[in-house]
């Protein structure tokens, strides 16, 4: 397991214990790490309202995530950000569609 995968696993375990426990049902280590990365992305979005004091600041953070996903879907990860590095890897390997990620961000804005 990569150090990045361990960091994300810990992040999800702290942010959303139920989802973390559900990931334990995935026997394949690489598939579990991919699932954890997706859960970590959701955890990042869920944490935004707790980190800001004004709705405009929250919207700016959601916009930042949307812009960073542009890089992930172009195959260019933002280095130093474990969630974005993992998402870029997953998007490339699994040829994922961007629309569900954008919809997830929009759902959090709403």
PDB file of N, CA and C in Angstrom:
ATOM      1  N   UNK A   1       0.850  -1.186   0.000  1.00  0.00           N
ATOM      2  CA  UNK A   1       0.000   0.000   0.000  1.00  0.00           C
ATOM      3  C   UNK A   1       0.891   1.243   0.000  1.00  0.00           C
ATOM      4  N   UNK A   2       0.576   2.183  -0.866  1.00  0.00           N
ATOM      5  CA  UNK A   2       1.325   3.437  -0.942  1.00  0.00           C
ATOM      6  C   UNK A   2       1.071   4.296   0.292  1.00  0.00           C
ATOM      7  N   UNK A   3       2.037   5.141   0.619  1.00  0.00           N
ATOM      8  CA  UNK A   3       1.864   6.067   1.742  1.00  0.00           C
ATOM      9  C   UNK A   3       0.633   6.949   1.518  1.00  0.00           C
ATOM     10  N   UNK A   4       0.434   7.389   0.276  1.00  0.00           N
ATOM     11  CA  UNK A   4      -0.736   8.206  -0.046  1.00  0.00           C
ATOM     12  C   UNK A   4      -2.025   7.455   0.282  1.00  0.00           C
ATOM     13  N   UNK A   5      -2.058   6.172  -0.047  1.00  0.00           N
ATOM     14  CA  UNK A   5      -3.248   5.375   0.230  1.00  0.00           C
ATOM     15  C   UNK A   5      -3.494   5.265   1.730  1.00  0.00           C
ATOM     16  N   UNK A   6      -2.422   5.155   2.511  1.00  0.00           N
ATOM     17  CA  UNK A   6      -2.563   5.106   3.970  1.00  0.00           C
ATOM     18  C   UNK A   6      -3.115   6.418   4.515  1.00  0.00           C
ATOM     19  N   UNK A   7      -2.614   7.533   3.969  1.00  0.00           N
ATOM     20  CA  UNK A   7      -3.113   8.841   4.404  1.00  0.00           C
ATOM     21  C   UNK A   7      -4.608   8.981   4.126  1.00  0.00           C
ATOM     22  N   UNK A   8      -5.018   8.584   2.923  1.00  0.00           N
ATOM     23  CA  UNK A   8      -6.430   8.688   2.566  1.00  0.00           C
ATOM     24  C   UNK A   8      -7.276   7.741   3.399  1.00  0.00           C
ATOM     25  N   UNK A   9      -6.763   6.551   3.662  1.00  0.00           N
ATOM     26  CA  UNK A   9      -7.482   5.593   4.490  1.00  0.00           C
ATOM     27  C   UNK A   9      -7.726   6.181   5.881  1.00  0.00           C
ATOM     28  N   UNK A  10      -6.701   6.796   6.449  1.00  0.00           N
ATOM     29  CA  UNK A  10      -6.847   7.433   7.762  1.00  0.00           C
ATOM     30  C   UNK A  10      -7.836   8.596   7.705  1.00  0.00           C
ATOM     31  N   UNK A  11      -7.778   9.377   6.629  1.00  0.00           N
ATOM     32  CA  UNK A  11      -8.684  10.514   6.478  1.00  0.00           C
ATOM     33  C   UNK A  11     -10.139  10.047   6.463  1.00  0.00           C
ATOM     34  N   UNK A  12     -10.413   9.020   5.685  1.00  0.00           N
ATOM     35  CA  UNK A  12     -11.787   8.516   5.592  1.00  0.00           C
ATOM     36  C   UNK A  12     -12.208   7.869   6.906  1.00  0.00           C
ATOM     37  N   UNK A  13     -11.296   7.166   7.533  1.00  0.00           N
ATOM     38  CA  UNK A  13     -11.630   6.518   8.807  1.00  0.00           C
ATOM     39  C   UNK A  13     -12.071   7.549   9.834  1.00  0.00           C
ATOM     40  N   UNK A  14     -11.414   8.707   9.856  1.00  0.00           N
ATOM     41  CA  UNK A  14     -11.764   9.767  10.804  1.00  0.00           C
ATOM     42  C   UNK A  14     -13.007  10.531  10.375  1.00  0.00           C
ATOM     43  N   UNK A  15     -13.125  10.807   9.086  1.00  0.00           N
ATOM     44  CA  UNK A  15     -14.225  11.648   8.594  1.00  0.00           C
ATOM     45  C   UNK A  15     -15.547  10.906   8.484  1.00  0.00           C
ATOM     46  N   UNK A  16     -15.492   9.638   8.109  1.00  0.00           N
ATOM     47  CA  UNK A  16     -16.722   8.892   7.848  1.00  0.00           C
ATOM     48  C   UNK A  16     -16.507   7.407   8.170  1.00  0.00           C
ATOM     49  N   UNK A  17     -16.571   7.065   9.451  1.00  0.00           N
ATOM     50  CA  UNK A  17     -16.292   5.687   9.856  1.00  0.00           C
ATOM     51  C   UNK A  17     -17.169   4.640   9.168  1.00  0.00           C
ATOM     52  N   UNK A  18     -18.421   4.965   8.886  1.00  0.00           N
ATOM     53  CA  UNK A  18     -19.303   3.999   8.227  1.00  0.00           C
ATOM     54  C   UNK A  18     -18.813   3.667   6.821  1.00  0.00           C
ATOM     55  N   UNK A  19     -18.443   4.679   6.064  1.00  0.00           N
ATOM     56  CA  UNK A  19     -17.916   4.415   4.720  1.00  0.00           C
ATOM     57  C   UNK A  19     -16.586   3.673   4.802  1.00  0.00           C
ATOM     58  N   UNK A  20     -15.764   4.066   5.756  1.00  0.00           N
ATOM     59  CA  UNK A  20     -14.493   3.369   5.904  1.00  0.00           C
ATOM     60  C   UNK A  20     -14.736   1.883   6.175  1.00  0.00           C
ATOM     61  N   UNK A  21     -15.668   1.587   7.089  1.00  0.00           N
ATOM     62  CA  UNK A  21     -15.972   0.182   7.380  1.00  0.00           C
ATOM     63  C   UNK A  21     -16.511  -0.541   6.148  1.00  0.00           C
ATOM     64  N   UNK A  22     -17.317   0.137   5.349  1.00  0.00           N
ATOM     65  CA  UNK A  22     -17.844  -0.506   4.144  1.00  0.00           C
ATOM     66  C   UNK A  22     -16.727  -0.856   3.168  1.00  0.00           C
ATOM     67  N   UNK A  23     -15.657  -0.071   3.176  1.00  0.00           N
ATOM     68  CA  UNK A  23     -14.535  -0.352   2.267  1.00  0.00           C
ATOM     69  C   UNK A  23     -13.801  -1.633   2.643  1.00  0.00           C
ATOM     70  N   UNK A  24     -13.946  -2.071   3.877  1.00  0.00           N
ATOM     71  CA  UNK A  24     -13.276  -3.290   4.318  1.00  0.00           C
ATOM     72  C   UNK A  24     -13.857  -4.534   3.642  1.00  0.00           C
ATOM     73  N   UNK A  25     -15.040  -4.405   3.034  1.00  0.00           N
ATOM     74  CA  UNK A  25     -15.640  -5.526   2.317  1.00  0.00           C
ATOM     75  C   UNK A  25     -15.007  -5.740   0.939  1.00  0.00           C
ATOM     76  N   UNK A  26     -14.210  -4.789   0.497  1.00  0.00           N
ATOM     77  CA  UNK A  26     -13.529  -4.911  -0.800  1.00  0.00           C
ATOM     78  C   UNK A  26     -12.206  -5.633  -0.572  1.00  0.00           C
ATOM     79  N   UNK A  27     -12.118  -6.851  -1.067  1.00  0.00           N
ATOM     80  CA  UNK A  27     -10.943  -7.687  -0.797  1.00  0.00           C
ATOM     81  C   UNK A  27      -9.707  -7.243  -1.579  1.00  0.00           C
ATOM     82  N   UNK A  28      -9.899  -6.815  -2.813  1.00  0.00           N
ATOM     83  CA  UNK A  28      -8.771  -6.414  -3.643  1.00  0.00           C
ATOM     84  C   UNK A  28      -8.204  -5.086  -3.128  1.00  0.00           C
ATOM     85  N   UNK A  29      -6.916  -5.104  -2.784  1.00  0.00           N
ATOM     86  CA  UNK A  29      -6.279  -3.937  -2.169  1.00  0.00           C
ATOM     87  C   UNK A  29      -6.320  -2.698  -3.065  1.00  0.00           C
ATOM     88  N   UNK A  30      -6.067  -2.864  -4.372  1.00  0.00           N
ATOM     89  CA  UNK A  30      -6.072  -1.719  -5.290  1.00  0.00           C
ATOM     90  C   UNK A  30      -7.485  -1.159  -5.438  1.00  0.00           C
ATOM     91  N   UNK A  31      -8.472  -2.042  -5.554  1.00  0.00           N
ATOM     92  CA  UNK A  31      -9.859  -1.584  -5.666  1.00  0.00           C
ATOM     93  C   UNK A  31     -10.298  -0.874  -4.390  1.00  0.00           C
ATOM     94  N   UNK A  32      -9.868  -1.382  -3.238  1.00  0.00           N
ATOM     95  CA  UNK A  32     -10.207  -0.732  -1.974  1.00  0.00           C
ATOM     96  C   UNK A  32      -9.565   0.650  -1.902  1.00  0.00           C
ATOM     97  N   UNK A  33      -8.315   0.771  -2.332  1.00  0.00           N
ATOM     98  CA  UNK A  33      -7.644   2.076  -2.325  1.00  0.00           C
ATOM     99  C   UNK A  33      -8.355   3.054  -3.249  1.00  0.00           C
ATOM    100  N   UNK A  34      -8.840   2.570  -4.387  1.00  0.00           N
ATOM    101  CA  UNK A  34      -9.600   3.431  -5.302  1.00  0.00           C
ATOM    102  C   UNK A  34     -10.890   3.913  -4.646  1.00  0.00           C
ATOM    103  N   UNK A  35     -11.586   3.005  -3.984  1.00  0.00           N
ATOM    104  CA  UNK A  35     -12.827   3.365  -3.306  1.00  0.00           C
ATOM    105  C   UNK A  35     -12.557   4.377  -2.196  1.00  0.00           C
ATOM    106  N   UNK A  36     -11.505   4.144  -1.438  1.00  0.00           N
ATOM    107  CA  UNK A  36     -11.138   5.068  -0.366  1.00  0.00           C
ATOM    108  C   UNK A  36     -10.828   6.452  -0.926  1.00  0.00           C
ATOM    109  N   UNK A  37     -10.169   6.512  -2.071  1.00  0.00           N
ATOM    110  CA  UNK A  37      -9.870   7.814  -2.688  1.00  0.00           C
ATOM    111  C   UNK A  37     -11.155   8.550  -3.045  1.00  0.00           C
ATOM    112  N   UNK A  38     -12.135   7.822  -3.563  1.00  0.00           N
ATOM    113  CA  UNK A  38     -13.429   8.449  -3.872  1.00  0.00           C
ATOM    114  C   UNK A  38     -14.117   8.915  -2.591  1.00  0.00           C
ATOM    115  N   UNK A  39     -14.059   8.096  -1.560  1.00  0.00           N
ATOM    116  CA  UNK A  39     -14.624   8.500  -0.263  1.00  0.00           C
ATOM    117  C   UNK A  39     -13.887   9.715   0.306  1.00  0.00           C
ATOM    118  N   UNK A  40     -12.577   9.789   0.111  1.00  0.00           N
ATOM    119  CA  UNK A  40     -11.803  10.927   0.607  1.00  0.00           C
ATOM    120  C   UNK A  40     -12.204  12.210  -0.106  1.00  0.00           C
ATOM    121  N   UNK A  41     -12.485  12.101  -1.395  1.00  0.00           N
ATOM    122  CA  UNK A  41     -12.966  13.261  -2.142  1.00  0.00           C
ATOM    123  C   UNK A  41     -14.283  13.753  -1.545  1.00  0.00           C
ATOM    124  N   UNK A  42     -15.181  12.826  -1.284  1.00  0.00           N
ATOM    125  CA  UNK A  42     -16.465  13.183  -0.659  1.00  0.00           C
ATOM    126  C   UNK A  42     -16.235  13.787   0.727  1.00  0.00           C
ATOM    127  N   UNK A  43     -15.300  13.240   1.475  1.00  0.00           N
ATOM    128  CA  UNK A  43     -14.993  13.775   2.805  1.00  0.00           C
ATOM    129  C   UNK A  43     -14.489  15.212   2.720  1.00  0.00           C
ATOM    130  N   UNK A  44     -13.684  15.491   1.710  1.00  0.00           N
ATOM    131  CA  UNK A  44     -13.207  16.868   1.508  1.00  0.00           C
ATOM    132  C   UNK A  44     -14.376  17.813   1.256  1.00  0.00           C
ATOM    133  N   UNK A  45     -15.307  17.388   0.432  1.00  0.00           N
ATOM    134  CA  UNK A  45     -16.465  18.231   0.132  1.00  0.00           C
ATOM    135  C   UNK A  45     -17.349  18.406   1.359  1.00  0.00           C
ATOM    136  N   UNK A  46     -17.528  17.336   2.127  1.00  0.00           N
ATOM    137  CA  UNK A  46     -18.372  17.411   3.325  1.00  0.00           C
ATOM    138  C   UNK A  46     -17.770  18.337   4.379  1.00  0.00           C
ATOM    139  N   UNK A  47     -16.459  18.467   4.390  1.00  0.00           N
ATOM    140  CA  UNK A  47     -15.795  19.271   5.413  1.00  0.00           C
ATOM    141  C   UNK A  47     -15.821  20.766   5.118  1.00  0.00           C
ATOM    142  N   UNK A  48     -16.076  21.142   3.893  1.00  0.00           N
ATOM    143  CA  UNK A  48     -16.011  22.563   3.529  1.00  0.00           C
ATOM    144  C   UNK A  48     -16.893  23.441   4.408  1.00  0.00           C
ATOM    145  N   UNK A  49     -18.156  23.128   4.612  1.00  0.00           N
ATOM    146  CA  UNK A  49     -18.978  24.019   5.447  1.00  0.00           C
ATOM    147  C   UNK A  49     -18.476  24.162   6.885  1.00  0.00           C
ATOM    148  N   UNK A  50     -17.730  23.190   7.368  1.00  0.00           N
ATOM    149  CA  UNK A  50     -17.208  23.276   8.736  1.00  0.00           C
ATOM    150  C   UNK A  50     -15.927  24.093   8.821  1.00  0.00           C
ATOM    151  N   UNK A  51     -15.330  24.389   7.673  1.00  0.00           N
ATOM    152  CA  UNK A  51     -14.050  25.104   7.659  1.00  0.00           C
ATOM    153  C   UNK A  51     -14.185  26.581   7.334  1.00  0.00           C
ATOM    154  N   UNK A  52     -15.360  27.008   6.930  1.00  0.00           N
ATOM    155  CA  UNK A  52     -15.552  28.414   6.551  1.00  0.00           C
ATOM    156  C   UNK A  52     -16.706  29.009   7.351  1.00  0.00           C
ATOM    157  N   UNK A  53     -16.727  30.338   7.387  1.00  0.00           N
ATOM    158  CA  UNK A  53     -17.767  31.017   8.159  1.00  0.00           C
ATOM    159  C   UNK A  53     -18.816  31.689   7.283  1.00  0.00           C
ATOM    160  N   UNK A  54     -18.528  31.798   5.979  1.00  0.00           N
ATOM    161  CA  UNK A  54     -19.459  32.483   5.088  1.00  0.00           C
ATOM    162  C   UNK A  54     -19.739  31.616   3.863  1.00  0.00           C
ATOM    163  N   UNK A  55     -20.988  31.637   3.384  1.00  0.00           N
ATOM    164  CA  UNK A  55     -21.344  30.823   2.220  1.00  0.00           C
ATOM    165  C   UNK A  55     -20.495  31.116   0.983  1.00  0.00           C
ATOM    166  N   UNK A  56     -20.107  32.362   0.780  1.00  0.00           N
ATOM    167  CA  UNK A  56     -19.294  32.705  -0.384  1.00  0.00           C
ATOM    168  C   UNK A  56     -17.938  31.998  -0.331  1.00  0.00           C
ATOM    169  N   UNK A  57     -17.371  31.911   0.851  1.00  0.00           N
ATOM    170  CA  UNK A  57     -16.092  31.213   0.991  1.00  0.00           C
ATOM    171  C   UNK A  57     -16.254  29.726   0.690  1.00  0.00           C
ATOM    172  N   UNK A  58     -17.362  29.155   1.104  1.00  0.00           N
ATOM    173  CA  UNK A  58     -17.629  27.741   0.795  1.00  0.00           C
ATOM    174  C   UNK A  58     -17.755  27.556  -0.713  1.00  0.00           C
ATOM    175  N   UNK A  59     -18.473  28.443  -1.355  1.00  0.00           N
ATOM    176  CA  UNK A  59     -18.639  28.344  -2.802  1.00  0.00           C
ATOM    177  C   UNK A  59     -17.297  28.471  -3.521  1.00  0.00           C
ATOM    178  N   UNK A  60     -16.427  29.311  -3.002  1.00  0.00           N
ATOM    179  CA  UNK A  60     -15.095  29.452  -3.602  1.00  0.00           C
ATOM    180  C   UNK A  60     -14.309  28.141  -3.486  1.00  0.00           C
ATOM    181  N   UNK A  61     -14.446  27.473  -2.369  1.00  0.00           N
ATOM    182  CA  UNK A  61     -13.747  26.191  -2.199  1.00  0.00           C
ATOM    183  C   UNK A  61     -14.317  25.119  -3.130  1.00  0.00           C
ATOM    184  N   UNK A  62     -15.634  25.102  -3.286  1.00  0.00           N
ATOM    185  CA  UNK A  62     -16.243  24.147  -4.225  1.00  0.00           C
ATOM    186  C   UNK A  62     -15.763  24.436  -5.652  1.00  0.00           C
ATOM    187  N   UNK A  63     -15.664  25.708  -5.985  1.00  0.00           N
ATOM    188  CA  UNK A  63     -15.158  26.089  -7.310  1.00  0.00           C
ATOM    189  C   UNK A  63     -13.719  25.632  -7.482  1.00  0.00           C
ATOM    190  N   UNK A  64     -12.921  25.775  -6.428  1.00  0.00           N
ATOM    191  CA  UNK A  64     -11.537  25.310  -6.485  1.00  0.00           C
ATOM    192  C   UNK A  64     -11.494  23.816  -6.789  1.00  0.00           C
ATOM    193  N   UNK A  65     -12.342  23.052  -6.126  1.00  0.00           N
ATOM    194  CA  UNK A  65     -12.376  21.610  -6.380  1.00  0.00           C
ATOM    195  C   UNK A  65     -12.779  21.319  -7.822  1.00  0.00           C
ATOM    196  N   UNK A  66     -13.767  22.029  -8.324  1.00  0.00           N
ATOM    197  CA  UNK A  66     -14.192  21.822  -9.715  1.00  0.00           C
ATOM    198  C   UNK A  66     -13.042  22.121 -10.673  1.00  0.00           C
ATOM    199  N   UNK A  67     -12.314  23.185 -10.416  1.00  0.00           N
ATOM    200  CA  UNK A  67     -11.177  23.532 -11.272  1.00  0.00           C
ATOM    201  C   UNK A  67     -10.064  22.490 -11.167  1.00  0.00           C
ATOM    202  N   UNK A  68      -9.839  21.986  -9.982  1.00  0.00           N
ATOM    203  CA  UNK A  68      -8.806  20.962  -9.809  1.00  0.00           C
ATOM    204  C   UNK A  68      -9.190  19.662 -10.516  1.00  0.00           C
ATOM    205  N   UNK A  69     -10.474  19.379 -10.581  1.00  0.00           N
ATOM    206  CA  UNK A  69     -10.925  18.189 -11.306  1.00  0.00           C
ATOM    207  C   UNK A  69     -10.641  18.316 -12.792  1.00  0.00           C
ATOM    208  N   UNK A  70     -10.657  19.545 -13.306  1.00  0.00           N
ATOM    209  CA  UNK A  70     -10.281  19.738 -14.713  1.00  0.00           C
ATOM    210  C   UNK A  70      -8.883  19.170 -14.959  1.00  0.00           C
ATOM    211  N   UNK A  71      -7.969  19.450 -14.047  1.00  0.00           N
ATOM    212  CA  UNK A  71      -6.618  18.913 -14.159  1.00  0.00           C
ATOM    213  C   UNK A  71      -6.593  17.402 -14.023  1.00  0.00           C
ATOM    214  N   UNK A  72      -7.356  16.884 -13.084  1.00  0.00           N
ATOM    215  CA  UNK A  72      -7.396  15.431 -12.888  1.00  0.00           C
ATOM    216  C   UNK A  72      -7.905  14.728 -14.138  1.00  0.00           C
ATOM    217  N   UNK A  73      -8.914  15.285 -14.770  1.00  0.00           N
ATOM    218  CA  UNK A  73      -9.474  14.657 -15.966  1.00  0.00           C
ATOM    219  C   UNK A  73      -8.615  14.906 -17.200  1.00  0.00           C
ATOM    220  N   UNK A  74      -7.670  15.823 -17.096  1.00  0.00           N
ATOM    221  CA  UNK A  74      -6.693  16.022 -18.167  1.00  0.00           C
ATOM    222  C   UNK A  74      -5.455  15.149 -17.917  1.00  0.00           C
ATOM    223  N   UNK A  75      -5.464  14.406 -16.801  1.00  0.00           N
ATOM    224  CA  UNK A  75      -4.350  13.533 -16.473  1.00  0.00           C
ATOM    225  C   UNK A  75      -3.201  14.236 -15.786  1.00  0.00           C
ATOM    226  N   UNK A  76      -3.454  15.446 -15.288  1.00  0.00           N
ATOM    227  CA  UNK A  76      -2.407  16.232 -14.629  1.00  0.00           C
ATOM    228  C   UNK A  76      -2.825  16.477 -13.177  1.00  0.00           C
ATOM    229  N   UNK A  77      -2.251  15.705 -12.283  1.00  0.00           N
ATOM    230  CA  UNK A  77      -2.607  15.824 -10.867  1.00  0.00           C
ATOM    231  C   UNK A  77      -1.966  17.047 -10.238  1.00  0.00           C
ATOM    232  N   UNK A  78      -2.607  17.595  -9.253  1.00  0.00           N
ATOM    233  CA  UNK A  78      -2.005  18.660  -8.451  1.00  0.00           C
ATOM    234  C   UNK A  78      -1.078  17.966  -7.463  1.00  0.00           C
ATOM    235  N   UNK A  79       0.195  18.094  -7.684  1.00  0.00           N
ATOM    236  CA  UNK A  79       1.192  17.414  -6.854  1.00  0.00           C
ATOM    237  C   UNK A  79       1.134  17.919  -5.416  1.00  0.00           C
ATOM    238  N   UNK A  80       1.271  16.994  -4.504  1.00  0.00           N
ATOM    239  CA  UNK A  80       1.266  17.344  -3.096  1.00  0.00           C
ATOM    240  C   UNK A  80      -0.102  17.272  -2.453  1.00  0.00           C
ATOM    241  N   UNK A  81      -1.142  17.006  -3.243  1.00  0.00           N
ATOM    242  CA  UNK A  81      -2.482  16.875  -2.685  1.00  0.00           C
ATOM    243  C   UNK A  81      -2.907  15.424  -2.879  1.00  0.00           C
ATOM    244  N   UNK A  82      -2.865  14.619  -1.804  1.00  0.00           N
ATOM    245  CA  UNK A  82      -3.106  13.186  -1.939  1.00  0.00           C
ATOM    246  C   UNK A  82      -4.436  12.820  -2.595  1.00  0.00           C
ATOM    247  N   UNK A  83      -5.494  13.557  -2.280  1.00  0.00           N
ATOM    248  CA  UNK A  83      -6.799  13.234  -2.861  1.00  0.00           C
ATOM    249  C   UNK A  83      -6.770  13.466  -4.370  1.00  0.00           C
ATOM    250  N   UNK A  84      -6.234  14.593  -4.790  1.00  0.00           N
ATOM    251  CA  UNK A  84      -6.198  14.887  -6.223  1.00  0.00           C
ATOM    252  C   UNK A  84      -5.241  13.961  -6.969  1.00  0.00           C
ATOM    253  N   UNK A  85      -4.137  13.612  -6.360  1.00  0.00           N
ATOM    254  CA  UNK A  85      -3.226  12.664  -6.998  1.00  0.00           C
ATOM    255  C   UNK A  85      -3.912  11.317  -7.201  1.00  0.00           C
ATOM    256  N   UNK A  86      -4.607  10.848  -6.166  1.00  0.00           N
ATOM    257  CA  UNK A  86      -5.305   9.562  -6.259  1.00  0.00           C
ATOM    258  C   UNK A  86      -6.444   9.627  -7.267  1.00  0.00           C
ATOM    259  N   UNK A  87      -7.211  10.722  -7.262  1.00  0.00           N
ATOM    260  CA  UNK A  87      -8.314  10.854  -8.215  1.00  0.00           C
ATOM    261  C   UNK A  87      -7.805  10.857  -9.649  1.00  0.00           C
ATOM    262  N   UNK A  88      -6.709  11.550  -9.886  1.00  0.00           N
ATOM    263  CA  UNK A  88      -6.147  11.581 -11.238  1.00  0.00           C
ATOM    264  C   UNK A  88      -5.777  10.178 -11.683  1.00  0.00           C
ATOM    265  N   UNK A  89      -5.151   9.437 -10.806  1.00  0.00           N
ATOM    266  CA  UNK A  89      -4.771   8.056 -11.117  1.00  0.00           C
ATOM    267  C   UNK A  89      -6.007   7.210 -11.435  1.00  0.00           C
ATOM    268  N   UNK A  90      -7.037   7.339 -10.633  1.00  0.00           N
ATOM    269  CA  UNK A  90      -8.268   6.554 -10.828  1.00  0.00           C
ATOM    270  C   UNK A  90      -8.949   6.935 -12.143  1.00  0.00           C
ATOM    271  N   UNK A  91      -9.043   8.219 -12.395  1.00  0.00           N
ATOM    272  CA  UNK A  91      -9.695   8.701 -13.620  1.00  0.00           C
ATOM    273  C   UNK A  91      -8.991   8.147 -14.851  1.00  0.00           C
ATOM    274  N   UNK A  92      -7.677   8.180 -14.831  1.00  0.00           N
ATOM    275  CA  UNK A  92      -6.907   7.698 -15.979  1.00  0.00           C
ATOM    276  C   UNK A  92      -7.058   6.185 -16.137  1.00  0.00           C
ATOM    277  N   UNK A  93      -6.886   5.445 -15.049  1.00  0.00           N
ATOM    278  CA  UNK A  93      -6.930   3.984 -15.133  1.00  0.00           C
ATOM    279  C   UNK A  93      -8.312   3.440 -15.492  1.00  0.00           C
ATOM    280  N   UNK A  94      -9.348   4.074 -14.952  1.00  0.00           N
ATOM    281  CA  UNK A  94     -10.706   3.561 -15.156  1.00  0.00           C
ATOM    282  C   UNK A  94     -11.499   4.328 -16.213  1.00  0.00           C
ATOM    283  N   UNK A  95     -10.866   5.353 -16.783  1.00  0.00           N
ATOM    284  CA  UNK A  95     -11.523   6.179 -17.803  1.00  0.00           C
ATOM    285  C   UNK A  95     -12.901   6.665 -17.330  1.00  0.00           C
ATOM    286  N   UNK A  96     -12.899   7.273 -16.164  1.00  0.00           N
ATOM    287  CA  UNK A  96     -14.148   7.733 -15.560  1.00  0.00           C
ATOM    288  C   UNK A  96     -14.679   8.978 -16.257  1.00  0.00           C
ATOM    289  N   UNK A  97     -15.978   9.156 -16.160  1.00  0.00           N
ATOM    290  CA  UNK A  97     -16.666  10.312 -16.721  1.00  0.00           C
ATOM    291  C   UNK A  97     -16.667  11.437 -15.685  1.00  0.00           C
ATOM    292  N   UNK A  98     -16.491  12.654 -16.129  1.00  0.00           N
ATOM    293  CA  UNK A  98     -16.415  13.790 -15.214  1.00  0.00           C
ATOM    294  C   UNK A  98     -17.778  14.190 -14.646  1.00  0.00           C
ATOM    295  N   UNK A  99     -18.832  13.957 -15.363  1.00  0.00           N
ATOM    296  CA  UNK A  99     -20.154  14.438 -14.973  1.00  0.00           C
ATOM    297  C   UNK A  99     -20.560  14.064 -13.537  1.00  0.00           C
ATOM    298  N   UNK A 100     -20.383  12.829 -13.100  1.00  0.00           N
ATOM    299  CA  UNK A 100     -20.775  12.517 -11.711  1.00  0.00           C
ATOM    300  C   UNK A 100     -19.984  13.303 -10.665  1.00  0.00           C
ATOM    301  N   UNK A 101     -18.744  13.605 -10.955  1.00  0.00           N
ATOM    302  CA  UNK A 101     -17.941  14.388 -10.014  1.00  0.00           C
ATOM    303  C   UNK A 101     -18.472  15.822  -9.929  1.00  0.00           C
ATOM    304  N   UNK A 102     -18.797  16.391 -11.073  1.00  0.00           N
ATOM    305  CA  UNK A 102     -19.385  17.725 -11.085  1.00  0.00           C
ATOM    306  C   UNK A 102     -20.732  17.751 -10.381  1.00  0.00           C
ATOM    307  N   UNK A 103     -21.520  16.708 -10.589  1.00  0.00           N
ATOM    308  CA  UNK A 103     -22.830  16.619  -9.928  1.00  0.00           C
ATOM    309  C   UNK A 103     -22.670  16.519  -8.416  1.00  0.00           C
ATOM    310  N   UNK A 104     -21.653  15.815  -7.976  1.00  0.00           N
ATOM    311  CA  UNK A 104     -21.403  15.696  -6.540  1.00  0.00           C
ATOM    312  C   UNK A 104     -21.053  17.057  -5.934  1.00  0.00           C
ATOM    313  N   UNK A 105     -20.213  17.803  -6.607  1.00  0.00           N
ATOM    314  CA  UNK A 105     -19.875  19.145  -6.138  1.00  0.00           C
ATOM    315  C   UNK A 105     -21.132  20.021  -6.103  1.00  0.00           C
ATOM    316  N   UNK A 106     -21.903  19.978  -7.155  1.00  0.00           N
ATOM    317  CA  UNK A 106     -23.144  20.775  -7.214  1.00  0.00           C
ATOM    318  C   UNK A 106     -24.107  20.388  -6.085  1.00  0.00           C
ATOM    319  N   UNK A 107     -24.183  19.103  -5.778  1.00  0.00           N
ATOM    320  CA  UNK A 107     -25.065  18.652  -4.701  1.00  0.00           C
ATOM    321  C   UNK A 107     -24.636  19.233  -3.361  1.00  0.00           C
ATOM    322  N   UNK A 108     -23.348  19.368  -3.158  1.00  0.00           N
ATOM    323  CA  UNK A 108     -22.861  19.946  -1.914  1.00  0.00           C
ATOM    324  C   UNK A 108     -23.101  21.448  -1.873  1.00  0.00           C
ATOM    325  N   UNK A 109     -23.042  22.095  -3.011  1.00  0.00           N
ATOM    326  CA  UNK A 109     -23.325  23.538  -3.039  1.00  0.00           C
ATOM    327  C   UNK A 109     -24.788  23.781  -2.673  1.00  0.00           C
ATOM    328  N   UNK A 110     -25.654  22.926  -3.191  1.00  0.00           N
ATOM    329  CA  UNK A 110     -27.093  23.065  -2.925  1.00  0.00           C
ATOM    330  C   UNK A 110     -27.413  22.718  -1.495  1.00  0.00           C
TER     331      UNK A 110
END
